[in-house]
Amino acid sequence: ADVTVLDRSLPRLKYLDDVFGGTFKT
């Protein structure tokens, strides 16, 4: 699927982007 994750924590969004890269969007 084409997945996007919404969150209000910038550190959490950075973590997700760092760990999962292009697997899903934030």
mmCIF file of all heavy atoms, coordinates in Angstrom:
data_MODEL
# 
_entry.id   MODEL 
# 
loop_
_atom_site.group_PDB 
_atom_site.id 
_atom_site.type_symbol 
_atom_site.label_atom_id 
_atom_site.label_alt_id 
_atom_site.label_comp_id 
_atom_site.label_asym_id 
_atom_site.label_entity_id 
_atom_site.label_seq_id 
_atom_site.pdbx_PDB_ins_code 
_atom_site.Cartn_x 
_atom_site.Cartn_y 
_atom_site.Cartn_z 
_atom_site.occupancy 
_atom_site.B_iso_or_equiv 
_atom_site.pdbx_formal_charge 
_atom_site.auth_seq_id 
_atom_site.auth_comp_id 
_atom_site.auth_asym_id 
_atom_site.auth_atom_id 
_atom_site.pdbx_PDB_model_num 
ATOM 1   N N   . ALA A 1 1  ? 0.830  -1.212 0.000  1.00 0.00 ? 1  ALA A N   1 
ATOM 2   C CA  . ALA A 1 1  ? 0.000  0.000  0.000  1.00 0.00 ? 1  ALA A CA  1 
ATOM 3   C C   . ALA A 1 1  ? 0.860  1.257  0.000  1.00 0.00 ? 1  ALA A C   1 
ATOM 4   O O   . ALA A 1 1  ? 2.047  1.234  0.332  1.00 0.00 ? 1  ALA A O   1 
ATOM 5   C CB  . ALA A 1 1  ? -0.919 -0.007 1.227  1.00 0.00 ? 1  ALA A CB  1 
ATOM 6   N N   . ASP A 1 2  ? 0.245  2.356  -0.362 1.00 0.00 ? 2  ASP A N   1 
ATOM 7   C CA  . ASP A 1 2  ? 0.846  3.688  -0.321 1.00 0.00 ? 2  ASP A CA  1 
ATOM 8   C C   . ASP A 1 2  ? 0.486  4.273  1.054  1.00 0.00 ? 2  ASP A C   1 
ATOM 9   O O   . ASP A 1 2  ? -0.653 4.665  1.283  1.00 0.00 ? 2  ASP A O   1 
ATOM 10  C CB  . ASP A 1 2  ? 0.269  4.529  -1.456 1.00 0.00 ? 2  ASP A CB  1 
ATOM 11  C CG  . ASP A 1 2  ? 0.783  5.963  -1.476 1.00 0.00 ? 2  ASP A CG  1 
ATOM 12  O OD1 . ASP A 1 2  ? 1.511  6.359  -0.546 1.00 0.00 ? 2  ASP A OD1 1 
ATOM 13  O OD2 . ASP A 1 2  ? 0.418  6.708  -2.412 1.00 0.00 ? 2  ASP A OD2 1 
ATOM 14  N N   . VAL A 1 3  ? 1.457  4.329  1.961  1.00 0.00 ? 3  VAL A N   1 
ATOM 15  C CA  . VAL A 1 3  ? 1.180  4.583  3.377  1.00 0.00 ? 3  VAL A CA  1 
ATOM 16  C C   . VAL A 1 3  ? 1.754  5.927  3.818  1.00 0.00 ? 3  VAL A C   1 
ATOM 17  O O   . VAL A 1 3  ? 2.906  6.262  3.506  1.00 0.00 ? 3  VAL A O   1 
ATOM 18  C CB  . VAL A 1 3  ? 1.770  3.465  4.261  1.00 0.00 ? 3  VAL A CB  1 
ATOM 19  C CG1 . VAL A 1 3  ? 1.442  3.710  5.737  1.00 0.00 ? 3  VAL A CG1 1 
ATOM 20  C CG2 . VAL A 1 3  ? 1.258  2.105  3.826  1.00 0.00 ? 3  VAL A CG2 1 
ATOM 21  N N   . THR A 1 4  ? 0.949  6.669  4.577  1.00 0.00 ? 4  THR A N   1 
ATOM 22  C CA  . THR A 1 4  ? 1.401  7.909  5.209  1.00 0.00 ? 4  THR A CA  1 
ATOM 23  C C   . THR A 1 4  ? 1.076  7.834  6.699  1.00 0.00 ? 4  THR A C   1 
ATOM 24  O O   . THR A 1 4  ? -0.030 7.444  7.082  1.00 0.00 ? 4  THR A O   1 
ATOM 25  C CB  . THR A 1 4  ? 0.706  9.142  4.613  1.00 0.00 ? 4  THR A CB  1 
ATOM 26  O OG1 . THR A 1 4  ? 0.975  9.200  3.216  1.00 0.00 ? 4  THR A OG1 1 
ATOM 27  C CG2 . THR A 1 4  ? 1.193  10.428 5.277  1.00 0.00 ? 4  THR A CG2 1 
ATOM 28  N N   . VAL A 1 5  ? 2.041  8.228  7.538  1.00 0.00 ? 5  VAL A N   1 
ATOM 29  C CA  . VAL A 1 5  ? 1.856  8.261  8.986  1.00 0.00 ? 5  VAL A CA  1 
ATOM 30  C C   . VAL A 1 5  ? 1.787  9.716  9.436  1.00 0.00 ? 5  VAL A C   1 
ATOM 31  O O   . VAL A 1 5  ? 2.667  10.519 9.111  1.00 0.00 ? 5  VAL A O   1 
ATOM 32  C CB  . VAL A 1 5  ? 3.008  7.549  9.726  1.00 0.00 ? 5  VAL A CB  1 
ATOM 33  C CG1 . VAL A 1 5  ? 2.832  7.668  11.238 1.00 0.00 ? 5  VAL A CG1 1 
ATOM 34  C CG2 . VAL A 1 5  ? 3.079  6.081  9.319  1.00 0.00 ? 5  VAL A CG2 1 
ATOM 35  N N   . LEU A 1 6  ? 0.751  10.042 10.189 1.00 0.00 ? 6  LEU A N   1 
ATOM 36  C CA  . LEU A 1 6  ? 0.585  11.375 10.778 1.00 0.00 ? 6  LEU A CA  1 
ATOM 37  C C   . LEU A 1 6  ? 0.969  11.351 12.252 1.00 0.00 ? 6  LEU A C   1 
ATOM 38  O O   . LEU A 1 6  ? 0.553  10.454 12.986 1.00 0.00 ? 6  LEU A O   1 
ATOM 39  C CB  . LEU A 1 6  ? -0.880 11.810 10.688 1.00 0.00 ? 6  LEU A CB  1 
ATOM 40  C CG  . LEU A 1 6  ? -1.404 12.545 9.462  1.00 0.00 ? 6  LEU A CG  1 
ATOM 41  C CD1 . LEU A 1 6  ? -2.903 12.768 9.629  1.00 0.00 ? 6  LEU A CD1 1 
ATOM 42  C CD2 . LEU A 1 6  ? -0.699 13.879 9.275  1.00 0.00 ? 6  LEU A CD2 1 
ATOM 43  N N   . ASP A 1 7  ? 1.730  12.352 12.694 1.00 0.00 ? 7  ASP A N   1 
ATOM 44  C CA  . ASP A 1 7  ? 2.037  12.463 14.121 1.00 0.00 ? 7  ASP A CA  1 
ATOM 45  C C   . ASP A 1 7  ? 2.395  13.916 14.421 1.00 0.00 ? 7  ASP A C   1 
ATOM 46  O O   . ASP A 1 7  ? 2.803  14.666 13.524 1.00 0.00 ? 7  ASP A O   1 
ATOM 47  C CB  . ASP A 1 7  ? 3.196  11.539 14.512 1.00 0.00 ? 7  ASP A CB  1 
ATOM 48  C CG  . ASP A 1 7  ? 3.214  11.217 16.001 1.00 0.00 ? 7  ASP A CG  1 
ATOM 49  O OD1 . ASP A 1 7  ? 3.707  12.053 16.786 1.00 0.00 ? 7  ASP A OD1 1 
ATOM 50  O OD2 . ASP A 1 7  ? 2.722  10.142 16.375 1.00 0.00 ? 7  ASP A OD2 1 
ATOM 51  N N   . ARG A 1 8  ? 2.248  14.294 15.712 1.00 0.00 ? 8  ARG A N   1 
ATOM 52  C CA  . ARG A 1 8  ? 2.554  15.668 16.119 1.00 0.00 ? 8  ARG A CA  1 
ATOM 53  C C   . ARG A 1 8  ? 3.940  15.814 16.722 1.00 0.00 ? 8  ARG A C   1 
ATOM 54  O O   . ARG A 1 8  ? 4.341  16.920 17.089 1.00 0.00 ? 8  ARG A O   1 
ATOM 55  C CB  . ARG A 1 8  ? 1.508  16.162 17.122 1.00 0.00 ? 8  ARG A CB  1 
ATOM 56  C CG  . ARG A 1 8  ? 0.098  16.243 16.557 1.00 0.00 ? 8  ARG A CG  1 
ATOM 57  C CD  . ARG A 1 8  ? -0.825 16.987 17.483 1.00 0.00 ? 8  ARG A CD  1 
ATOM 58  N NE  . ARG A 1 8  ? -0.599 18.420 17.392 1.00 0.00 ? 8  ARG A NE  1 
ATOM 59  C CZ  . ARG A 1 8  ? -1.419 19.263 16.767 1.00 0.00 ? 8  ARG A CZ  1 
ATOM 60  N NH1 . ARG A 1 8  ? -2.514 18.808 16.198 1.00 0.00 ? 8  ARG A NH1 1 
ATOM 61  N NH2 . ARG A 1 8  ? -1.153 20.550 16.720 1.00 0.00 ? 8  ARG A NH2 1 
ATOM 62  N N   . SER A 1 9  ? 4.648  14.702 16.870 1.00 0.00 ? 9  SER A N   1 
ATOM 63  C CA  . SER A 1 9  ? 5.985  14.743 17.461 1.00 0.00 ? 9  SER A CA  1 
ATOM 64  C C   . SER A 1 9  ? 7.031  14.753 16.350 1.00 0.00 ? 9  SER A C   1 
ATOM 65  O O   . SER A 1 9  ? 7.208  13.759 15.635 1.00 0.00 ? 9  SER A O   1 
ATOM 66  C CB  . SER A 1 9  ? 6.201  13.532 18.369 1.00 0.00 ? 9  SER A CB  1 
ATOM 67  O OG  . SER A 1 9  ? 7.563  13.388 18.700 1.00 0.00 ? 9  SER A OG  1 
ATOM 68  N N   . LEU A 1 10 ? 7.747  15.875 16.232 1.00 0.00 ? 10 LEU A N   1 
ATOM 69  C CA  . LEU A 1 10 ? 8.800  15.937 15.213 1.00 0.00 ? 10 LEU A CA  1 
ATOM 70  C C   . LEU A 1 10 ? 9.916  14.933 15.471 1.00 0.00 ? 10 LEU A C   1 
ATOM 71  O O   . LEU A 1 10 ? 10.407 14.302 14.522 1.00 0.00 ? 10 LEU A O   1 
ATOM 72  C CB  . LEU A 1 10 ? 9.352  17.362 15.125 1.00 0.00 ? 10 LEU A CB  1 
ATOM 73  C CG  . LEU A 1 10 ? 8.407  18.388 14.474 1.00 0.00 ? 10 LEU A CG  1 
ATOM 74  C CD1 . LEU A 1 10 ? 8.995  19.786 14.579 1.00 0.00 ? 10 LEU A CD1 1 
ATOM 75  C CD2 . LEU A 1 10 ? 8.136  18.030 13.022 1.00 0.00 ? 10 LEU A CD2 1 
ATOM 76  N N   . PRO A 1 11 ? 10.347 14.727 16.739 1.00 0.00 ? 11 PRO A N   1 
ATOM 77  C CA  . PRO A 1 11 ? 11.361 13.689 16.976 1.00 0.00 ? 11 PRO A CA  1 
ATOM 78  C C   . PRO A 1 11 ? 10.874 12.304 16.535 1.00 0.00 ? 11 PRO A C   1 
ATOM 79  O O   . PRO A 1 11 ? 11.657 11.515 15.992 1.00 0.00 ? 11 PRO A O   1 
ATOM 80  C CB  . PRO A 1 11 ? 11.589 13.753 18.488 1.00 0.00 ? 11 PRO A CB  1 
ATOM 81  C CG  . PRO A 1 11 ? 11.245 15.158 18.866 1.00 0.00 ? 11 PRO A CG  1 
ATOM 82  C CD  . PRO A 1 11 ? 10.104 15.522 17.963 1.00 0.00 ? 11 PRO A CD  1 
ATOM 83  N N   . ARG A 1 12 ? 9.596  12.009 16.764 1.00 0.00 ? 12 ARG A N   1 
ATOM 84  C CA  . ARG A 1 12 ? 9.088  10.698 16.354 1.00 0.00 ? 12 ARG A CA  1 
ATOM 85  C C   . ARG A 1 12 ? 9.063  10.589 14.833 1.00 0.00 ? 12 ARG A C   1 
ATOM 86  O O   . ARG A 1 12 ? 9.426  9.549  14.263 1.00 0.00 ? 12 ARG A O   1 
ATOM 87  C CB  . ARG A 1 12 ? 7.681  10.480 16.923 1.00 0.00 ? 12 ARG A CB  1 
ATOM 88  C CG  . ARG A 1 12 ? 7.117  9.089  16.641 1.00 0.00 ? 12 ARG A CG  1 
ATOM 89  C CD  . ARG A 1 12 ? 7.932  8.015  17.326 1.00 0.00 ? 12 ARG A CD  1 
ATOM 90  N NE  . ARG A 1 12 ? 7.449  6.675  16.988 1.00 0.00 ? 12 ARG A NE  1 
ATOM 91  C CZ  . ARG A 1 12 ? 8.023  5.569  17.410 1.00 0.00 ? 12 ARG A CZ  1 
ATOM 92  N NH1 . ARG A 1 12 ? 9.098  5.630  18.191 1.00 0.00 ? 12 ARG A NH1 1 
ATOM 93  N NH2 . ARG A 1 12 ? 7.540  4.390  17.074 1.00 0.00 ? 12 ARG A NH2 1 
ATOM 94  N N   . LEU A 1 13 ? 8.633  11.636 14.157 1.00 0.00 ? 13 LEU A N   1 
ATOM 95  C CA  . LEU A 1 13 ? 8.623  11.613 12.698 1.00 0.00 ? 13 LEU A CA  1 
ATOM 96  C C   . LEU A 1 13 ? 10.038 11.454 12.145 1.00 0.00 ? 13 LEU A C   1 
ATOM 97  O O   . LEU A 1 13 ? 10.257 10.726 11.164 1.00 0.00 ? 13 LEU A O   1 
ATOM 98  C CB  . LEU A 1 13 ? 7.981  12.881 12.153 1.00 0.00 ? 13 LEU A CB  1 
ATOM 99  C CG  . LEU A 1 13 ? 6.480  13.053 12.431 1.00 0.00 ? 13 LEU A CG  1 
ATOM 100 C CD1 . LEU A 1 13 ? 6.020  14.425 11.963 1.00 0.00 ? 13 LEU A CD1 1 
ATOM 101 C CD2 . LEU A 1 13 ? 5.663  11.958 11.752 1.00 0.00 ? 13 LEU A CD2 1 
ATOM 102 N N   . LYS A 1 14 ? 11.006 12.118 12.775 1.00 0.00 ? 14 LYS A N   1 
ATOM 103 C CA  . LYS A 1 14 ? 12.404 11.976 12.343 1.00 0.00 ? 14 LYS A CA  1 
ATOM 104 C C   . LYS A 1 14 ? 12.878 10.550 12.524 1.00 0.00 ? 14 LYS A C   1 
ATOM 105 O O   . LYS A 1 14 ? 13.544 9.975  11.659 1.00 0.00 ? 14 LYS A O   1 
ATOM 106 C CB  . LYS A 1 14 ? 13.294 12.939 13.132 1.00 0.00 ? 14 LYS A CB  1 
ATOM 107 C CG  . LYS A 1 14 ? 14.759 12.924 12.710 1.00 0.00 ? 14 LYS A CG  1 
ATOM 108 C CD  . LYS A 1 14 ? 15.559 13.947 13.497 1.00 0.00 ? 14 LYS A CD  1 
ATOM 109 C CE  . LYS A 1 14 ? 17.004 14.034 12.987 1.00 0.00 ? 14 LYS A CE  1 
ATOM 110 N NZ  . LYS A 1 14 ? 17.703 12.729 13.031 1.00 0.00 ? 14 LYS A NZ  1 
ATOM 111 N N   . TYR A 1 15 ? 12.513 9.958  13.691 1.00 0.00 ? 15 TYR A N   1 
ATOM 112 C CA  . TYR A 1 15 ? 12.893 8.562  13.954 1.00 0.00 ? 15 TYR A CA  1 
ATOM 113 C C   . TYR A 1 15 ? 12.315 7.634  12.882 1.00 0.00 ? 15 TYR A C   1 
ATOM 114 O O   . TYR A 1 15 ? 13.025 6.790  12.319 1.00 0.00 ? 15 TYR A O   1 
ATOM 115 C CB  . TYR A 1 15 ? 12.396 8.152  15.345 1.00 0.00 ? 15 TYR A CB  1 
ATOM 116 C CG  . TYR A 1 15 ? 12.434 6.660  15.578 1.00 0.00 ? 15 TYR A CG  1 
ATOM 117 C CD1 . TYR A 1 15 ? 13.612 6.011  15.948 1.00 0.00 ? 15 TYR A CD1 1 
ATOM 118 C CD2 . TYR A 1 15 ? 11.279 5.887  15.405 1.00 0.00 ? 15 TYR A CD2 1 
ATOM 119 C CE1 . TYR A 1 15 ? 13.647 4.641  16.142 1.00 0.00 ? 15 TYR A CE1 1 
ATOM 120 C CE2 . TYR A 1 15 ? 11.305 4.511  15.600 1.00 0.00 ? 15 TYR A CE2 1 
ATOM 121 C CZ  . TYR A 1 15 ? 12.483 3.894  15.967 1.00 0.00 ? 15 TYR A CZ  1 
ATOM 122 O OH  . TYR A 1 15 ? 12.516 2.536  16.147 1.00 0.00 ? 15 TYR A OH  1 
ATOM 123 N N   . LEU A 1 16 ? 11.036 7.796  12.595 1.00 0.00 ? 16 LEU A N   1 
ATOM 124 C CA  . LEU A 1 16 ? 10.397 6.935  11.607 1.00 0.00 ? 16 LEU A CA  1 
ATOM 125 C C   . LEU A 1 16 ? 11.040 7.095  10.234 1.00 0.00 ? 16 LEU A C   1 
ATOM 126 O O   . LEU A 1 16 ? 11.259 6.104  9.518  1.00 0.00 ? 16 LEU A O   1 
ATOM 127 C CB  . LEU A 1 16 ? 8.899  7.249  11.521 1.00 0.00 ? 16 LEU A CB  1 
ATOM 128 C CG  . LEU A 1 16 ? 8.058  6.901  12.753 1.00 0.00 ? 16 LEU A CG  1 
ATOM 129 C CD1 . LEU A 1 16 ? 6.634  7.403  12.586 1.00 0.00 ? 16 LEU A CD1 1 
ATOM 130 C CD2 . LEU A 1 16 ? 8.062  5.405  13.018 1.00 0.00 ? 16 LEU A CD2 1 
ATOM 131 N N   . ASP A 1 17 ? 11.363 8.329  9.889  1.00 0.00 ? 17 ASP A N   1 
ATOM 132 C CA  . ASP A 1 17 ? 11.989 8.573  8.596  1.00 0.00 ? 17 ASP A CA  1 
ATOM 133 C C   . ASP A 1 17 ? 13.394 7.977  8.541  1.00 0.00 ? 17 ASP A C   1 
ATOM 134 O O   . ASP A 1 17 ? 13.792 7.380  7.535  1.00 0.00 ? 17 ASP A O   1 
ATOM 135 C CB  . ASP A 1 17 ? 12.032 10.078 8.318  1.00 0.00 ? 17 ASP A CB  1 
ATOM 136 C CG  . ASP A 1 17 ? 12.346 10.387 6.867  1.00 0.00 ? 17 ASP A CG  1 
ATOM 137 O OD1 . ASP A 1 17 ? 11.552 9.992  5.996  1.00 0.00 ? 17 ASP A OD1 1 
ATOM 138 O OD2 . ASP A 1 17 ? 13.391 11.001 6.609  1.00 0.00 ? 17 ASP A OD2 1 
ATOM 139 N N   . ASP A 1 18 ? 14.141 8.120  9.639  1.00 0.00 ? 18 ASP A N   1 
ATOM 140 C CA  . ASP A 1 18 ? 15.503 7.586  9.685  1.00 0.00 ? 18 ASP A CA  1 
ATOM 141 C C   . ASP A 1 18 ? 15.511 6.063  9.598  1.00 0.00 ? 18 ASP A C   1 
ATOM 142 O O   . ASP A 1 18 ? 16.335 5.461  8.902  1.00 0.00 ? 18 ASP A O   1 
ATOM 143 C CB  . ASP A 1 18 ? 16.208 8.015  10.968 1.00 0.00 ? 18 ASP A CB  1 
ATOM 144 C CG  . ASP A 1 18 ? 16.599 9.484  10.972 1.00 0.00 ? 18 ASP A CG  1 
ATOM 145 O OD1 . ASP A 1 18 ? 16.580 10.102 9.887  1.00 0.00 ? 18 ASP A OD1 1 
ATOM 146 O OD2 . ASP A 1 18 ? 16.910 10.014 12.059 1.00 0.00 ? 18 ASP A OD2 1 
ATOM 147 N N   . VAL A 1 19 ? 14.590 5.426  10.334 1.00 0.00 ? 19 VAL A N   1 
ATOM 148 C CA  . VAL A 1 19 ? 14.598 3.964  10.427 1.00 0.00 ? 19 VAL A CA  1 
ATOM 149 C C   . VAL A 1 19 ? 13.963 3.311  9.197  1.00 0.00 ? 19 VAL A C   1 
ATOM 150 O O   . VAL A 1 19 ? 14.473 2.308  8.681  1.00 0.00 ? 19 VAL A O   1 
ATOM 151 C CB  . VAL A 1 19 ? 13.864 3.504  11.712 1.00 0.00 ? 19 VAL A CB  1 
ATOM 152 C CG1 . VAL A 1 19 ? 13.676 1.985  11.726 1.00 0.00 ? 19 VAL A CG1 1 
ATOM 153 C CG2 . VAL A 1 19 ? 14.644 3.945  12.942 1.00 0.00 ? 19 VAL A CG2 1 
ATOM 154 N N   . PHE A 1 20 ? 12.871 3.892  8.712  1.00 0.00 ? 20 PHE A N   1 
ATOM 155 C CA  . PHE A 1 20 ? 12.116 3.226  7.656  1.00 0.00 ? 20 PHE A CA  1 
ATOM 156 C C   . PHE A 1 20 ? 12.308 3.853  6.281  1.00 0.00 ? 20 PHE A C   1 
ATOM 157 O O   . PHE A 1 20 ? 11.819 3.317  5.281  1.00 0.00 ? 20 PHE A O   1 
ATOM 158 C CB  . PHE A 1 20 ? 10.622 3.192  8.016  1.00 0.00 ? 20 PHE A CB  1 
ATOM 159 C CG  . PHE A 1 20 ? 10.349 2.395  9.248  1.00 0.00 ? 20 PHE A CG  1 
ATOM 160 C CD1 . PHE A 1 20 ? 10.123 3.020  10.461 1.00 0.00 ? 20 PHE A CD1 1 
ATOM 161 C CD2 . PHE A 1 20 ? 10.365 1.007  9.213  1.00 0.00 ? 20 PHE A CD2 1 
ATOM 162 C CE1 . PHE A 1 20 ? 9.891  2.285  11.618 1.00 0.00 ? 20 PHE A CE1 1 
ATOM 163 C CE2 . PHE A 1 20 ? 10.134 0.259  10.358 1.00 0.00 ? 20 PHE A CE2 1 
ATOM 164 C CZ  . PHE A 1 20 ? 9.898  0.901  11.560 1.00 0.00 ? 20 PHE A CZ  1 
ATOM 165 N N   . GLY A 1 21 ? 13.011 4.996  6.242  1.00 0.00 ? 21 GLY A N   1 
ATOM 166 C CA  . GLY A 1 21 ? 13.343 5.602  4.957  1.00 0.00 ? 21 GLY A CA  1 
ATOM 167 C C   . GLY A 1 21 ? 12.127 5.786  4.077  1.00 0.00 ? 21 GLY A C   1 
ATOM 168 O O   . GLY A 1 21 ? 11.138 6.385  4.467  1.00 0.00 ? 21 GLY A O   1 
ATOM 169 N N   . GLY A 1 22 ? 12.175 5.225  2.874  1.00 0.00 ? 22 GLY A N   1 
ATOM 170 C CA  . GLY A 1 22 ? 11.073 5.398  1.931  1.00 0.00 ? 22 GLY A CA  1 
ATOM 171 C C   . GLY A 1 22 ? 10.009 4.328  2.013  1.00 0.00 ? 22 GLY A C   1 
ATOM 172 O O   . GLY A 1 22 ? 9.142  4.255  1.134  1.00 0.00 ? 22 GLY A O   1 
ATOM 173 N N   . THR A 1 23 ? 10.061 3.493  3.077  1.00 0.00 ? 23 THR A N   1 
ATOM 174 C CA  . THR A 1 23 ? 9.053  2.434  3.195  1.00 0.00 ? 23 THR A CA  1 
ATOM 175 C C   . THR A 1 23 ? 7.651  3.017  3.274  1.00 0.00 ? 23 THR A C   1 
ATOM 176 O O   . THR A 1 23 ? 6.702  2.500  2.697  1.00 0.00 ? 23 THR A O   1 
ATOM 177 C CB  . THR A 1 23 ? 9.326  1.568  4.446  1.00 0.00 ? 23 THR A CB  1 
ATOM 178 O OG1 . THR A 1 23 ? 10.657 1.081  4.379  1.00 0.00 ? 23 THR A OG1 1 
ATOM 179 C CG2 . THR A 1 23 ? 8.366  0.398  4.529  1.00 0.00 ? 23 THR A CG2 1 
ATOM 180 N N   . PHE A 1 24 ? 7.516  4.099  4.036  1.00 0.00 ? 24 PHE A N   1 
ATOM 181 C CA  . PHE A 1 24 ? 6.257  4.845  4.090  1.00 0.00 ? 24 PHE A CA  1 
ATOM 182 C C   . PHE A 1 24 ? 6.576  6.315  4.308  1.00 0.00 ? 24 PHE A C   1 
ATOM 183 O O   . PHE A 1 24 ? 7.688  6.678  4.688  1.00 0.00 ? 24 PHE A O   1 
ATOM 184 C CB  . PHE A 1 24 ? 5.298  4.307  5.155  1.00 0.00 ? 24 PHE A CB  1 
ATOM 185 C CG  . PHE A 1 24 ? 5.906  4.143  6.523  1.00 0.00 ? 24 PHE A CG  1 
ATOM 186 C CD1 . PHE A 1 24 ? 6.102  5.217  7.374  1.00 0.00 ? 24 PHE A CD1 1 
ATOM 187 C CD2 . PHE A 1 24 ? 6.275  2.882  6.978  1.00 0.00 ? 24 PHE A CD2 1 
ATOM 188 C CE1 . PHE A 1 24 ? 6.645  5.059  8.637  1.00 0.00 ? 24 PHE A CE1 1 
ATOM 189 C CE2 . PHE A 1 24 ? 6.817  2.706  8.240  1.00 0.00 ? 24 PHE A CE2 1 
ATOM 190 C CZ  . PHE A 1 24 ? 7.013  3.798  9.074  1.00 0.00 ? 24 PHE A CZ  1 
ATOM 191 N N   . LYS A 1 25 ? 5.593  7.172  4.066  1.00 0.00 ? 25 LYS A N   1 
ATOM 192 C CA  . LYS A 1 25 ? 5.786  8.617  4.183  1.00 0.00 ? 25 LYS A CA  1 
ATOM 193 C C   . LYS A 1 25 ? 5.345  9.100  5.556  1.00 0.00 ? 25 LYS A C   1 
ATOM 194 O O   . LYS A 1 25 ? 4.568  8.428  6.249  1.00 0.00 ? 25 LYS A O   1 
ATOM 195 C CB  . LYS A 1 25 ? 4.977  9.338  3.096  1.00 0.00 ? 25 LYS A CB  1 
ATOM 196 C CG  . LYS A 1 25 ? 5.469  9.062  1.690  1.00 0.00 ? 25 LYS A CG  1 
ATOM 197 C CD  . LYS A 1 25 ? 4.507  9.580  0.641  1.00 0.00 ? 25 LYS A CD  1 
ATOM 198 C CE  . LYS A 1 25 ? 3.317  8.663  0.467  1.00 0.00 ? 25 LYS A CE  1 
ATOM 199 N NZ  . LYS A 1 25 ? 2.482  9.015  -0.696 1.00 0.00 ? 25 LYS A NZ  1 
ATOM 200 N N   . THR A 1 26 ? 5.832  10.254 5.965  1.00 0.00 ? 26 THR A N   1 
ATOM 201 C CA  . THR A 1 26 ? 5.416  10.866 7.227  1.00 0.00 ? 26 THR A CA  1 
ATOM 202 C C   . THR A 1 26 ? 4.932  12.289 6.964  1.00 0.00 ? 26 THR A C   1 
ATOM 203 O O   . THR A 1 26 ? 5.423  12.971 6.065  1.00 0.00 ? 26 THR A O   1 
ATOM 204 C CB  . THR A 1 26 ? 6.569  10.903 8.247  1.00 0.00 ? 26 THR A CB  1 
ATOM 205 O OG1 . THR A 1 26 ? 7.660  11.662 7.703  1.00 0.00 ? 26 THR A OG1 1 
ATOM 206 C CG2 . THR A 1 26 ? 7.054  9.508  8.601  1.00 0.00 ? 26 THR A CG2 1 
# 
